[in-house]
Amino acid sequence: MQRSIMFAAAAIAALSLAACSREEAANNPNNPGQSEPVNAAQDAVGAAVGQTSAATLGANTKQGYVMNAAVGDMYEIAAGNMAQQRSKNADVKAFAKMIVTDHTAASNQMKPLAQAAGETPPAEMDQRRKGMIDNLKAASDADFDKVFLTQQVAAHEEALTLHQGYAGNGDEAGLKGHAAKVAPKIQAHLDKAKQLAQGAGAAH
């Protein structure tokens, strides 16, 4: 337990640092978007932080699970909608449509279960996911699919850790059932994202 608390503290510290850096960048009118290598590095750090958060608080507490699942769904819907507009690849567009459909359904299914458990899902994404969306917006047309799919692999690996973890360790029956139901779809999304990422030369 102490180890989990230490991991969680480290994750929170990293998220705070990332949020401060992004706020500074956002307040600088001469820096509308960082360079692509910086954006990619931020996404990689965010992925590591997300895995830690999902494996600790998210997989073991109803509050952590609801928060992580809700913002994860919001990120997927926003990213998927953007990919349907910007990608020139029919397979990527079809994948994006699938994740929007599935994550919208998952979000709608979780809301009453969260409320029954005494939890209120957040109304907007956290700073880390907002940063990922910003980096996706900043990607060039030529690199969009690669950036999108790299993010998708990391995001679905995190989501799989979260849902499988809470399904096994959770303390609230309704949410545990939801986590167990969603996990196979997350696995299918991850498998498809990895397959597409290979063709796009994305990191995974």
N, C-alpha and C. Protein backbone atom coordinates (compact mmCIF):
# COMPACT_ATOMS: atom_id res chain seq x y z
N MET A 1 0.83 -1.20 0.00
CA MET A 1 0.00 0.00 0.00
C MET A 1 0.87 1.26 0.00
N GLN A 2 1.94 1.21 0.83
CA GLN A 2 2.83 2.36 0.90
C GLN A 2 3.48 2.61 -0.45
N ARG A 3 3.81 1.50 -1.15
CA ARG A 3 4.41 1.63 -2.46
C ARG A 3 3.44 2.28 -3.44
N SER A 4 2.17 1.88 -3.35
CA SER A 4 1.15 2.47 -4.22
C SER A 4 1.01 3.96 -3.97
N ILE A 5 1.06 4.35 -2.70
CA ILE A 5 0.95 5.77 -2.35
C ILE A 5 2.13 6.54 -2.91
N MET A 6 3.32 5.94 -2.84
CA MET A 6 4.51 6.60 -3.39
C MET A 6 4.38 6.79 -4.89
N PHE A 7 3.91 5.74 -5.59
CA PHE A 7 3.70 5.83 -7.04
C PHE A 7 2.70 6.94 -7.36
N ALA A 8 1.61 6.97 -6.58
CA ALA A 8 0.57 7.96 -6.82
C ALA A 8 1.12 9.37 -6.60
N ALA A 9 1.91 9.54 -5.56
CA ALA A 9 2.50 10.85 -5.29
C ALA A 9 3.41 11.29 -6.42
N ALA A 10 4.19 10.35 -6.93
CA ALA A 10 5.08 10.66 -8.05
C ALA A 10 4.28 11.04 -9.28
N ALA A 11 3.18 10.32 -9.51
CA ALA A 11 2.34 10.62 -10.67
C ALA A 11 1.73 12.00 -10.57
N ILE A 12 1.26 12.35 -9.37
CA ILE A 12 0.66 13.67 -9.15
C ILE A 12 1.69 14.76 -9.36
N ALA A 13 2.90 14.53 -8.87
CA ALA A 13 3.96 15.53 -9.04
C ALA A 13 4.29 15.73 -10.51
N ALA A 14 4.36 14.62 -11.25
CA ALA A 14 4.67 14.71 -12.68
C ALA A 14 3.56 15.42 -13.44
N LEU A 15 2.32 15.12 -13.06
CA LEU A 15 1.19 15.78 -13.72
C LEU A 15 1.19 17.27 -13.45
N SER A 16 1.51 17.66 -12.22
CA SER A 16 1.55 19.08 -11.85
C SER A 16 2.61 19.80 -12.66
N LEU A 17 3.78 19.16 -12.79
CA LEU A 17 4.87 19.75 -13.56
C LEU A 17 4.47 19.92 -15.03
N ALA A 18 3.83 18.88 -15.57
CA ALA A 18 3.40 18.94 -16.97
C ALA A 18 2.36 20.03 -17.18
N ALA A 19 1.45 20.16 -16.22
CA ALA A 19 0.41 21.18 -16.33
C ALA A 19 1.01 22.58 -16.29
N CYS A 20 2.00 22.78 -15.41
CA CYS A 20 2.65 24.09 -15.31
C CYS A 20 3.37 24.43 -16.61
N SER A 21 4.06 23.45 -17.17
CA SER A 21 4.80 23.67 -18.42
C SER A 21 3.84 24.02 -19.54
N ARG A 22 2.71 23.32 -19.58
CA ARG A 22 1.75 23.57 -20.66
C ARG A 22 1.09 24.93 -20.47
N GLU A 23 0.84 25.32 -19.21
CA GLU A 23 0.22 26.63 -18.97
C GLU A 23 1.16 27.75 -19.40
N GLU A 24 2.45 27.58 -19.12
CA GLU A 24 3.43 28.57 -19.55
C GLU A 24 3.44 28.68 -21.07
N ALA A 25 3.40 27.54 -21.76
CA ALA A 25 3.40 27.54 -23.22
C ALA A 25 2.13 28.19 -23.77
N ALA A 26 1.01 27.90 -23.12
CA ALA A 26 -0.26 28.45 -23.58
C ALA A 26 -0.32 29.96 -23.41
N ASN A 27 0.38 30.48 -22.39
CA ASN A 27 0.37 31.91 -22.13
C ASN A 27 1.39 32.67 -22.96
N ASN A 28 2.14 31.96 -23.76
CA ASN A 28 3.15 32.60 -24.61
C ASN A 28 2.61 32.68 -26.04
N PRO A 29 2.19 33.88 -26.50
CA PRO A 29 1.58 33.99 -27.83
C PRO A 29 2.55 33.66 -28.95
N ASN A 30 3.84 33.70 -28.66
CA ASN A 30 4.84 33.38 -29.68
C ASN A 30 5.13 31.89 -29.77
N ASN A 31 4.42 31.10 -28.98
CA ASN A 31 4.67 29.66 -28.95
C ASN A 31 3.36 28.91 -29.08
N PRO A 32 2.70 28.99 -30.26
CA PRO A 32 1.38 28.38 -30.41
C PRO A 32 1.39 26.87 -30.28
N GLY A 33 2.51 26.26 -30.55
CA GLY A 33 2.62 24.81 -30.41
C GLY A 33 4.08 24.46 -30.33
N GLN A 34 4.47 23.61 -29.40
CA GLN A 34 5.87 23.27 -29.28
C GLN A 34 6.32 22.50 -30.51
N SER A 35 7.61 22.25 -30.59
CA SER A 35 8.12 21.47 -31.71
C SER A 35 7.61 20.04 -31.61
N GLU A 36 7.58 19.37 -32.74
CA GLU A 36 7.05 18.00 -32.75
C GLU A 36 7.79 17.06 -31.80
N PRO A 37 9.15 17.11 -31.72
CA PRO A 37 9.83 16.23 -30.77
C PRO A 37 9.42 16.50 -29.32
N VAL A 38 9.20 17.78 -28.99
CA VAL A 38 8.77 18.12 -27.63
C VAL A 38 7.38 17.56 -27.37
N ASN A 39 6.48 17.72 -28.34
CA ASN A 39 5.13 17.17 -28.19
C ASN A 39 5.16 15.66 -28.00
N ALA A 40 5.99 14.98 -28.80
CA ALA A 40 6.09 13.53 -28.69
C ALA A 40 6.64 13.12 -27.33
N ALA A 41 7.62 13.87 -26.83
CA ALA A 41 8.19 13.57 -25.52
C ALA A 41 7.15 13.78 -24.42
N GLN A 42 6.35 14.83 -24.55
CA GLN A 42 5.30 15.07 -23.55
C GLN A 42 4.28 13.94 -23.55
N ASP A 43 3.92 13.47 -24.74
CA ASP A 43 2.97 12.36 -24.82
C ASP A 43 3.55 11.10 -24.18
N ALA A 44 4.86 10.88 -24.39
CA ALA A 44 5.50 9.69 -23.81
C ALA A 44 5.54 9.77 -22.30
N VAL A 45 5.86 10.93 -21.76
CA VAL A 45 5.86 11.11 -20.31
C VAL A 45 4.44 10.95 -19.76
N GLY A 46 3.48 11.54 -20.48
CA GLY A 46 2.09 11.42 -20.06
C GLY A 46 1.62 9.98 -20.03
N ALA A 47 2.08 9.18 -20.99
CA ALA A 47 1.70 7.77 -21.04
C ALA A 47 2.23 7.03 -19.82
N ALA A 48 3.47 7.33 -19.42
CA ALA A 48 4.05 6.67 -18.25
C ALA A 48 3.32 7.08 -16.97
N VAL A 49 3.00 8.36 -16.87
CA VAL A 49 2.25 8.85 -15.72
C VAL A 49 0.87 8.20 -15.67
N GLY A 50 0.24 8.09 -16.84
CA GLY A 50 -1.09 7.50 -16.90
C GLY A 50 -1.10 6.05 -16.47
N GLN A 51 -0.10 5.29 -16.88
CA GLN A 51 -0.01 3.89 -16.47
C GLN A 51 0.10 3.77 -14.95
N THR A 52 0.90 4.64 -14.35
CA THR A 52 1.07 4.61 -12.89
C THR A 52 -0.24 4.94 -12.20
N SER A 53 -0.91 5.98 -12.68
CA SER A 53 -2.18 6.38 -12.09
C SER A 53 -3.23 5.28 -12.23
N ALA A 54 -3.29 4.66 -13.42
CA ALA A 54 -4.28 3.60 -13.66
C ALA A 54 -4.02 2.39 -12.78
N ALA A 55 -2.75 2.06 -12.59
CA ALA A 55 -2.39 0.85 -11.84
C ALA A 55 -2.52 1.03 -10.33
N THR A 56 -2.55 2.27 -9.85
CA THR A 56 -2.59 2.51 -8.41
C THR A 56 -3.98 2.96 -7.98
N LEU A 57 -4.21 4.26 -7.95
CA LEU A 57 -5.50 4.77 -7.49
C LEU A 57 -6.65 4.30 -8.37
N GLY A 58 -6.45 4.32 -9.69
CA GLY A 58 -7.54 3.97 -10.60
C GLY A 58 -8.01 2.54 -10.47
N ALA A 59 -7.08 1.63 -10.29
CA ALA A 59 -7.42 0.21 -10.24
C ALA A 59 -7.92 -0.23 -8.87
N ASN A 60 -7.79 0.64 -7.86
CA ASN A 60 -8.08 0.20 -6.50
C ASN A 60 -9.11 1.04 -5.75
N THR A 61 -9.48 2.21 -6.26
CA THR A 61 -10.47 3.04 -5.57
C THR A 61 -11.56 3.46 -6.54
N LYS A 62 -12.79 3.53 -6.05
CA LYS A 62 -13.89 3.90 -6.95
C LYS A 62 -13.74 5.33 -7.44
N GLN A 63 -13.25 6.21 -6.59
CA GLN A 63 -13.05 7.60 -7.02
C GLN A 63 -12.00 7.68 -8.13
N GLY A 64 -10.88 6.98 -7.94
CA GLY A 64 -9.83 6.98 -8.95
C GLY A 64 -10.28 6.32 -10.24
N TYR A 65 -11.05 5.26 -10.11
CA TYR A 65 -11.54 4.56 -11.30
C TYR A 65 -12.49 5.44 -12.10
N VAL A 66 -13.47 6.04 -11.44
CA VAL A 66 -14.46 6.87 -12.14
C VAL A 66 -13.78 8.05 -12.81
N MET A 67 -12.86 8.70 -12.11
CA MET A 67 -12.17 9.86 -12.69
C MET A 67 -11.37 9.45 -13.92
N ASN A 68 -10.56 8.40 -13.80
CA ASN A 68 -9.72 7.98 -14.91
C ASN A 68 -10.54 7.48 -16.09
N ALA A 69 -11.58 6.70 -15.82
CA ALA A 69 -12.41 6.17 -16.90
C ALA A 69 -13.14 7.29 -17.62
N ALA A 70 -13.66 8.24 -16.87
CA ALA A 70 -14.43 9.34 -17.48
C ALA A 70 -13.56 10.22 -18.36
N VAL A 71 -12.41 10.63 -17.86
CA VAL A 71 -11.55 11.51 -18.67
C VAL A 71 -10.94 10.73 -19.84
N GLY A 72 -10.72 9.44 -19.63
CA GLY A 72 -10.23 8.61 -20.75
C GLY A 72 -11.24 8.55 -21.86
N ASP A 73 -12.51 8.35 -21.51
CA ASP A 73 -13.57 8.34 -22.53
C ASP A 73 -13.66 9.68 -23.24
N MET A 74 -13.57 10.77 -22.47
CA MET A 74 -13.66 12.11 -23.08
C MET A 74 -12.52 12.33 -24.07
N TYR A 75 -11.31 11.91 -23.68
CA TYR A 75 -10.17 12.06 -24.58
C TYR A 75 -10.39 11.25 -25.86
N GLU A 76 -10.84 10.00 -25.71
CA GLU A 76 -11.03 9.14 -26.88
C GLU A 76 -12.07 9.72 -27.84
N ILE A 77 -13.14 10.26 -27.30
CA ILE A 77 -14.19 10.85 -28.14
C ILE A 77 -13.65 12.06 -28.88
N ALA A 78 -12.93 12.92 -28.17
CA ALA A 78 -12.37 14.13 -28.81
C ALA A 78 -11.33 13.75 -29.88
N ALA A 79 -10.44 12.83 -29.54
CA ALA A 79 -9.40 12.42 -30.48
C ALA A 79 -10.01 11.70 -31.68
N GLY A 80 -10.99 10.86 -31.42
CA GLY A 80 -11.64 10.12 -32.51
C GLY A 80 -12.38 11.04 -33.46
N ASN A 81 -13.06 12.03 -32.92
CA ASN A 81 -13.76 12.99 -33.78
C ASN A 81 -12.77 13.77 -34.64
N MET A 82 -11.63 14.14 -34.05
CA MET A 82 -10.62 14.87 -34.81
C MET A 82 -10.05 14.01 -35.92
N ALA A 83 -9.79 12.74 -35.60
CA ALA A 83 -9.21 11.84 -36.60
C ALA A 83 -10.16 11.60 -37.76
N GLN A 84 -11.45 11.54 -37.48
CA GLN A 84 -12.42 11.37 -38.58
C GLN A 84 -12.39 12.56 -39.53
N GLN A 85 -12.05 13.73 -39.01
CA GLN A 85 -12.00 14.92 -39.85
C GLN A 85 -10.66 15.06 -40.57
N ARG A 86 -9.56 14.70 -39.88
CA ARG A 86 -8.24 15.03 -40.42
C ARG A 86 -7.52 13.90 -41.14
N SER A 87 -7.78 12.67 -40.76
CA SER A 87 -7.05 11.57 -41.39
C SER A 87 -7.48 11.39 -42.84
N LYS A 88 -6.53 11.02 -43.66
CA LYS A 88 -6.81 10.73 -45.07
C LYS A 88 -6.85 9.22 -45.33
N ASN A 89 -6.69 8.44 -44.25
CA ASN A 89 -6.63 6.98 -44.36
C ASN A 89 -7.99 6.39 -43.96
N ALA A 90 -8.60 5.63 -44.86
CA ALA A 90 -9.94 5.09 -44.60
C ALA A 90 -9.97 4.17 -43.38
N ASP A 91 -8.91 3.37 -43.19
CA ASP A 91 -8.87 2.45 -42.05
C ASP A 91 -8.75 3.22 -40.74
N VAL A 92 -7.96 4.27 -40.74
CA VAL A 92 -7.81 5.10 -39.53
C VAL A 92 -9.13 5.80 -39.21
N LYS A 93 -9.80 6.30 -40.24
CA LYS A 93 -11.08 6.97 -40.04
C LYS A 93 -12.13 5.99 -39.48
N ALA A 94 -12.12 4.76 -39.98
CA ALA A 94 -13.07 3.75 -39.49
C ALA A 94 -12.77 3.39 -38.04
N PHE A 95 -11.48 3.28 -37.70
CA PHE A 95 -11.08 3.02 -36.32
C PHE A 95 -11.52 4.17 -35.41
N ALA A 96 -11.32 5.40 -35.88
CA ALA A 96 -11.70 6.57 -35.10
C ALA A 96 -13.21 6.58 -34.84
N LYS A 97 -13.99 6.23 -35.86
CA LYS A 97 -15.45 6.18 -35.69
C LYS A 97 -15.83 5.12 -34.67
N MET A 98 -15.14 3.98 -34.69
CA MET A 98 -15.43 2.91 -33.74
C MET A 98 -15.15 3.34 -32.30
N ILE A 99 -14.02 4.02 -32.09
CA ILE A 99 -13.70 4.38 -30.71
C ILE A 99 -14.65 5.46 -30.19
N VAL A 100 -15.08 6.36 -31.08
CA VAL A 100 -16.07 7.36 -30.64
C VAL A 100 -17.37 6.67 -30.22
N THR A 101 -17.83 5.73 -31.04
CA THR A 101 -19.06 5.00 -30.74
C THR A 101 -18.95 4.22 -29.44
N ASP A 102 -17.86 3.46 -29.28
CA ASP A 102 -17.71 2.59 -28.12
C ASP A 102 -17.46 3.38 -26.83
N HIS A 103 -16.65 4.43 -26.92
CA HIS A 103 -16.36 5.20 -25.70
C HIS A 103 -17.52 6.10 -25.30
N THR A 104 -18.32 6.53 -26.27
CA THR A 104 -19.54 7.26 -25.93
C THR A 104 -20.50 6.34 -25.18
N ALA A 105 -20.64 5.11 -25.67
CA ALA A 105 -21.50 4.14 -25.01
C ALA A 105 -20.99 3.82 -23.61
N ALA A 106 -19.68 3.61 -23.48
CA ALA A 106 -19.11 3.29 -22.17
C ALA A 106 -19.32 4.43 -21.19
N SER A 107 -19.14 5.66 -21.65
CA SER A 107 -19.33 6.82 -20.79
C SER A 107 -20.77 6.91 -20.30
N ASN A 108 -21.71 6.71 -21.22
CA ASN A 108 -23.13 6.79 -20.86
C ASN A 108 -23.53 5.66 -19.90
N GLN A 109 -22.93 4.49 -20.09
CA GLN A 109 -23.24 3.36 -19.21
C GLN A 109 -22.66 3.55 -17.80
N MET A 110 -21.52 4.22 -17.71
CA MET A 110 -20.88 4.37 -16.40
C MET A 110 -21.53 5.43 -15.53
N LYS A 111 -22.10 6.47 -16.13
CA LYS A 111 -22.61 7.60 -15.35
C LYS A 111 -23.59 7.20 -14.26
N PRO A 112 -24.65 6.42 -14.56
CA PRO A 112 -25.57 6.04 -13.48
C PRO A 112 -24.92 5.12 -12.45
N LEU A 113 -23.98 4.29 -12.87
CA LEU A 113 -23.28 3.40 -11.93
C LEU A 113 -22.41 4.21 -10.99
N ALA A 114 -21.77 5.25 -11.53
CA ALA A 114 -20.93 6.11 -10.69
C ALA A 114 -21.79 6.85 -9.68
N GLN A 115 -22.93 7.37 -10.13
CA GLN A 115 -23.81 8.10 -9.23
C GLN A 115 -24.35 7.19 -8.14
N ALA A 116 -24.66 5.95 -8.50
CA ALA A 116 -25.15 4.98 -7.50
C ALA A 116 -24.07 4.68 -6.46
N ALA A 117 -22.80 4.82 -6.88
CA ALA A 117 -21.69 4.56 -5.97
C ALA A 117 -21.26 5.82 -5.21
N GLY A 118 -22.00 6.92 -5.44
CA GLY A 118 -21.69 8.15 -4.72
C GLY A 118 -20.58 8.97 -5.35
N GLU A 119 -20.30 8.72 -6.63
CA GLU A 119 -19.24 9.45 -7.33
C GLU A 119 -19.83 10.25 -8.49
N THR A 120 -19.26 11.42 -8.71
CA THR A 120 -19.68 12.27 -9.83
C THR A 120 -18.54 12.34 -10.84
N PRO A 121 -18.72 11.82 -12.05
CA PRO A 121 -17.66 11.89 -13.05
C PRO A 121 -17.29 13.34 -13.36
N PRO A 122 -16.03 13.62 -13.63
CA PRO A 122 -15.62 14.99 -13.96
C PRO A 122 -16.31 15.47 -15.24
N ALA A 123 -16.47 16.79 -15.35
CA ALA A 123 -17.18 17.36 -16.50
C ALA A 123 -16.25 17.64 -17.67
N GLU A 124 -14.94 17.64 -17.43
CA GLU A 124 -14.01 17.92 -18.52
C GLU A 124 -12.72 17.14 -18.32
N MET A 125 -11.91 17.09 -19.36
CA MET A 125 -10.65 16.37 -19.31
C MET A 125 -9.66 17.02 -18.33
N ASP A 126 -8.75 16.20 -17.82
CA ASP A 126 -7.67 16.73 -17.01
C ASP A 126 -6.61 17.38 -17.90
N GLN A 127 -5.62 18.00 -17.27
CA GLN A 127 -4.60 18.71 -18.03
C GLN A 127 -3.78 17.77 -18.93
N ARG A 128 -3.56 16.55 -18.46
CA ARG A 128 -2.76 15.62 -19.26
C ARG A 128 -3.46 15.28 -20.58
N ARG A 129 -4.75 14.96 -20.50
CA ARG A 129 -5.47 14.64 -21.73
C ARG A 129 -5.66 15.87 -22.61
N LYS A 130 -5.89 17.02 -22.00
CA LYS A 130 -5.98 18.25 -22.78
C LYS A 130 -4.68 18.48 -23.54
N GLY A 131 -3.55 18.18 -22.88
CA GLY A 131 -2.26 18.32 -23.54
C GLY A 131 -2.11 17.38 -24.72
N MET A 132 -2.62 16.16 -24.57
CA MET A 132 -2.56 15.20 -25.69
C MET A 132 -3.40 15.70 -26.87
N ILE A 133 -4.57 16.26 -26.58
CA ILE A 133 -5.41 16.80 -27.65
C ILE A 133 -4.71 17.99 -28.31
N ASP A 134 -4.06 18.83 -27.50
CA ASP A 134 -3.32 19.97 -28.07
C ASP A 134 -2.22 19.48 -29.00
N ASN A 135 -1.51 18.44 -28.60
CA ASN A 135 -0.44 17.90 -29.43
C ASN A 135 -0.99 17.28 -30.71
N LEU A 136 -2.17 16.69 -30.61
CA LEU A 136 -2.80 16.12 -31.80
C LEU A 136 -3.21 17.24 -32.76
N LYS A 137 -3.75 18.32 -32.21
CA LYS A 137 -4.13 19.47 -33.05
C LYS A 137 -2.90 20.06 -33.75
N ALA A 138 -1.77 20.06 -33.04
CA ALA A 138 -0.56 20.69 -33.58
C ALA A 138 0.16 19.82 -34.61
N ALA A 139 -0.22 18.55 -34.72
CA ALA A 139 0.45 17.66 -35.68
C ALA A 139 0.19 18.12 -37.11
N SER A 140 1.21 18.00 -37.94
CA SER A 140 1.03 18.34 -39.35
C SER A 140 0.13 17.30 -40.01
N ASP A 141 -0.42 17.65 -41.15
CA ASP A 141 -1.28 16.70 -41.88
C ASP A 141 -0.51 15.42 -42.21
N ALA A 142 0.76 15.58 -42.57
CA ALA A 142 1.56 14.42 -42.96
C ALA A 142 1.82 13.49 -41.79
N ASP A 143 1.90 14.05 -40.58
CA ASP A 143 2.23 13.25 -39.40
C ASP A 143 1.02 12.93 -38.53
N PHE A 144 -0.15 13.39 -38.92
CA PHE A 144 -1.32 13.26 -38.04
C PHE A 144 -1.59 11.81 -37.65
N ASP A 145 -1.65 10.91 -38.63
CA ASP A 145 -1.98 9.52 -38.32
C ASP A 145 -0.97 8.91 -37.37
N LYS A 146 0.30 9.20 -37.58
CA LYS A 146 1.35 8.65 -36.72
C LYS A 146 1.17 9.14 -35.28
N VAL A 147 0.92 10.43 -35.10
CA VAL A 147 0.73 10.98 -33.76
C VAL A 147 -0.54 10.41 -33.12
N PHE A 148 -1.61 10.37 -33.89
CA PHE A 148 -2.88 9.85 -33.38
C PHE A 148 -2.75 8.40 -32.93
N LEU A 149 -2.13 7.57 -33.75
CA LEU A 149 -2.04 6.15 -33.42
C LEU A 149 -1.06 5.88 -32.29
N THR A 150 0.02 6.66 -32.21
CA THR A 150 0.94 6.53 -31.07
C THR A 150 0.20 6.83 -29.78
N GLN A 151 -0.59 7.89 -29.79
CA GLN A 151 -1.40 8.23 -28.61
C GLN A 151 -2.42 7.13 -28.32
N GLN A 152 -3.03 6.58 -29.35
CA GLN A 152 -4.07 5.58 -29.16
C GLN A 152 -3.53 4.30 -28.52
N VAL A 153 -2.35 3.88 -28.94
CA VAL A 153 -1.75 2.70 -28.33
C VAL A 153 -1.51 2.95 -26.84
N ALA A 154 -0.90 4.07 -26.52
CA ALA A 154 -0.61 4.39 -25.11
C ALA A 154 -1.89 4.55 -24.30
N ALA A 155 -2.88 5.25 -24.86
CA ALA A 155 -4.13 5.49 -24.13
C ALA A 155 -4.88 4.20 -23.86
N HIS A 156 -4.89 3.28 -24.82
CA HIS A 156 -5.61 2.03 -24.62
C HIS A 156 -4.84 1.05 -23.74
N GLU A 157 -3.52 1.14 -23.74
CA GLU A 157 -2.75 0.34 -22.77
C GLU A 157 -3.07 0.81 -21.35
N GLU A 158 -3.15 2.12 -21.18
CA GLU A 158 -3.51 2.68 -19.87
C GLU A 158 -4.93 2.27 -19.48
N ALA A 159 -5.87 2.40 -20.44
CA ALA A 159 -7.27 2.06 -20.16
C ALA A 159 -7.42 0.58 -19.81
N LEU A 160 -6.66 -0.28 -20.49
CA LEU A 160 -6.73 -1.71 -20.20
C LEU A 160 -6.25 -1.99 -18.78
N THR A 161 -5.15 -1.35 -18.39
CA THR A 161 -4.65 -1.49 -17.02
C THR A 161 -5.71 -1.05 -16.02
N LEU A 162 -6.37 0.07 -16.33
CA LEU A 162 -7.39 0.63 -15.43
C LEU A 162 -8.58 -0.32 -15.28
N HIS A 163 -9.17 -0.72 -16.40
CA HIS A 163 -10.41 -1.50 -16.35
C HIS A 163 -10.16 -2.93 -15.84
N GLN A 164 -9.09 -3.56 -16.30
CA GLN A 164 -8.78 -4.89 -15.78
C GLN A 164 -8.44 -4.84 -14.30
N GLY A 165 -7.72 -3.79 -13.90
CA GLY A 165 -7.35 -3.64 -12.50
C GLY A 165 -8.55 -3.47 -11.60
N TYR A 166 -9.48 -2.57 -12.00
CA TYR A 166 -10.64 -2.35 -11.15
C TYR A 166 -11.58 -3.54 -11.18
N ALA A 167 -11.67 -4.20 -12.31
CA ALA A 167 -12.52 -5.40 -12.39
C ALA A 167 -12.05 -6.45 -11.39
N GLY A 168 -10.74 -6.51 -11.16
CA GLY A 168 -10.20 -7.49 -10.22
C GLY A 168 -10.10 -6.99 -8.79
N ASN A 169 -9.85 -5.70 -8.61
CA ASN A 169 -9.55 -5.17 -7.28
C ASN A 169 -10.58 -4.21 -6.73
N GLY A 170 -11.56 -3.82 -7.55
CA GLY A 170 -12.49 -2.77 -7.15
C GLY A 170 -13.34 -3.11 -5.95
N ASP A 171 -13.88 -2.04 -5.32
CA ASP A 171 -14.64 -2.22 -4.09
C ASP A 171 -16.13 -1.89 -4.27
N GLU A 172 -16.57 -1.73 -5.52
CA GLU A 172 -17.98 -1.40 -5.77
C GLU A 172 -18.49 -2.28 -6.91
N ALA A 173 -19.50 -3.08 -6.61
CA ALA A 173 -19.93 -4.14 -7.53
C ALA A 173 -20.37 -3.62 -8.89
N GLY A 174 -21.16 -2.55 -8.93
CA GLY A 174 -21.66 -2.04 -10.20
C GLY A 174 -20.53 -1.56 -11.10
N LEU A 175 -19.59 -0.84 -10.53
CA LEU A 175 -18.45 -0.34 -11.30
C LEU A 175 -17.51 -1.47 -11.70
N LYS A 176 -17.37 -2.47 -10.83
CA LYS A 176 -16.54 -3.64 -11.18
C LYS A 176 -17.13 -4.35 -12.40
N GLY A 177 -18.44 -4.48 -12.41
CA GLY A 177 -19.09 -5.12 -13.55
C GLY A 177 -18.90 -4.34 -14.83
N HIS A 178 -18.96 -3.02 -14.71
CA HIS A 178 -18.75 -2.16 -15.88
C HIS A 178 -17.31 -2.32 -16.38
N ALA A 179 -16.36 -2.32 -15.48
CA ALA A 179 -14.95 -2.46 -15.86
C ALA A 179 -14.71 -3.78 -16.58
N ALA A 180 -15.31 -4.85 -16.07
CA ALA A 180 -15.14 -6.16 -16.69
C ALA A 180 -15.78 -6.21 -18.07
N LYS A 181 -16.90 -5.51 -18.24
CA LYS A 181 -17.62 -5.49 -19.52
C LYS A 181 -16.84 -4.68 -20.57
N VAL A 182 -16.22 -3.58 -20.14
CA VAL A 182 -15.53 -2.68 -21.06
C VAL A 182 -14.17 -3.22 -21.48
N ALA A 183 -13.49 -3.93 -20.58
CA ALA A 183 -12.11 -4.36 -20.84
C ALA A 183 -11.91 -5.08 -22.18
N PRO A 184 -12.77 -6.03 -22.58
CA PRO A 184 -12.55 -6.70 -23.87
C PRO A 184 -12.60 -5.75 -25.06
N LYS A 185 -13.47 -4.74 -25.02
CA LYS A 185 -13.52 -3.77 -26.11
C LYS A 185 -12.24 -2.93 -26.14
N ILE A 186 -11.74 -2.59 -24.95
CA ILE A 186 -10.49 -1.84 -24.88
C ILE A 186 -9.36 -2.67 -25.48
N GLN A 187 -9.34 -3.97 -25.20
CA GLN A 187 -8.32 -4.85 -25.76
C GLN A 187 -8.43 -4.88 -27.29
N ALA A 188 -9.65 -4.95 -27.79
CA ALA A 188 -9.85 -4.97 -29.25
C ALA A 188 -9.38 -3.66 -29.87
N HIS A 189 -9.66 -2.54 -29.21
CA HIS A 189 -9.19 -1.24 -29.70
C HIS A 189 -7.66 -1.20 -29.72
N LEU A 190 -7.06 -1.70 -28.65
CA LEU A 190 -5.60 -1.70 -28.55
C LEU A 190 -4.98 -2.53 -29.67
N ASP A 191 -5.54 -3.70 -29.90
CA ASP A 191 -5.01 -4.57 -30.96
C ASP A 191 -5.09 -3.88 -32.32
N LYS A 192 -6.22 -3.22 -32.59
CA LYS A 192 -6.40 -2.52 -33.87
C LYS A 192 -5.46 -1.33 -33.97
N ALA A 193 -5.29 -0.60 -32.88
CA ALA A 193 -4.40 0.56 -32.88
C ALA A 193 -2.97 0.13 -33.18
N LYS A 194 -2.53 -0.96 -32.58
CA LYS A 194 -1.17 -1.46 -32.83
C LYS A 194 -1.00 -1.88 -34.29
N GLN A 195 -2.02 -2.53 -34.83
CA GLN A 195 -1.97 -2.97 -36.23
C GLN A 195 -1.84 -1.76 -37.16
N LEU A 196 -2.66 -0.75 -36.92
CA LEU A 196 -2.62 0.45 -37.75
C LEU A 196 -1.33 1.22 -37.55
N ALA A 197 -0.84 1.22 -36.33
CA ALA A 197 0.39 1.96 -36.01
C ALA A 197 1.58 1.39 -36.78
N GLN A 198 1.60 0.09 -36.96
CA GLN A 198 2.69 -0.52 -37.73
C GLN A 198 2.73 0.02 -39.16
N GLY A 199 1.57 0.18 -39.75
CA GLY A 199 1.51 0.68 -41.10
C GLY A 199 1.84 2.15 -41.21
N ALA A 200 1.61 2.90 -40.10
CA ALA A 200 1.85 4.35 -40.14
C ALA A 200 3.23 4.72 -39.63
N GLY A 201 4.00 3.73 -39.17
CA GLY A 201 5.32 4.01 -38.64
C GLY A 201 5.28 4.68 -37.28
N ALA A 202 4.18 4.44 -36.53
CA ALA A 202 4.03 5.07 -35.22
C ALA A 202 4.75 4.27 -34.15
N ALA A 203 5.12 4.96 -33.09
CA ALA A 203 5.77 4.28 -31.96
C ALA A 203 4.71 3.50 -31.18
N HIS A 204 5.04 2.27 -30.79
CA HIS A 204 4.10 1.47 -30.00
C HIS A 204 4.84 0.37 -29.26
